[in-house]
Amino acid sequence: MTAAHDEGIVLRLTDFRETSQIAALFTAAHGQVRLIAKGVRRGTRARVAPGLDLLERGELSFLPPRGEADLGTLTEWVQRDAFTGLRRDPARLYGALYAAEATLALTEPAEPAAVLYTGLRGLLENLAGKAEPAAALVAFQRVLLRAAGYAPHLESCVECGRPPRPGEAAYFSSAAGGLLCRDCEIHHVEKRRIADALRGTRPEDGPAVEWFALLDYHIAEVAGKRLRTADAVTRLLRAGN
């Protein structure tokens, strides 16, 4: 079988037996891939096993899965960026871990999404640099939701079409796909009241921490579970504001 070549980011690592790991990566041309990396944890006095690290970017060669197998085989890995700046601040590191978890939750294996890969790489570069974490995460959440086909409608009520009146309570329903006005929200069980601070703002210019919390709610509803990193990220972002 001919090996595939790509660029990817390590999103999750699981130890497999004594010497190997199962790596979940998101790649530029192949989307999400799950690969067994044989022998990466085996070292000797003369040779240290290189291993793989979470949240690093590299060039890879791999044998795709065959038949009913859901695992390919990693044959080569060359690290290109370790995003070392993530480790200087818990909000940046946990924000990156949140993005990795959210990407795995909202994508399927072998479904290419070049725009999402670019957005994920850009987020890690921004968090490893000087970007404000909350704003960078909100921008990534929006890219992820668009790529997954779940971008919410936020400009007007998804049922009646009118924007919320000034000072009037507004709601968000993931199942409905976006904003609900006070008159229409009564028809929906699944909903969340939109924070007063978000009224009249857009994700790109509103309070980033509140927008993160709202879009995280939507991601959790779409994924069918609360992301494990979400509470820690929310707490760290609020502490930094």
Foldseek 3Di string as FASTA:
>chain_A
DFKDKWKWAWQDWDDDPDAKIWTWIATQFFGTAIEIEGRQCDADPVGHRPHDDHGFMWMWIWAHDDDPDRYIHTDDTDTDGPLVLQVVAVLLVLLLNLLSQLSVLLDDGRDHDNQLRVLSVVLSNQSSDPHQSLLSSLVNLQSSCVSSVQRADEQPALPPGHREDPPFKWKAALVSRGIHGPVGCVVDPGIGIQDPQCPPHDCNPGDSLSSSVVSQVNSCVVSVHRDPSVVVNSVRSVVVD
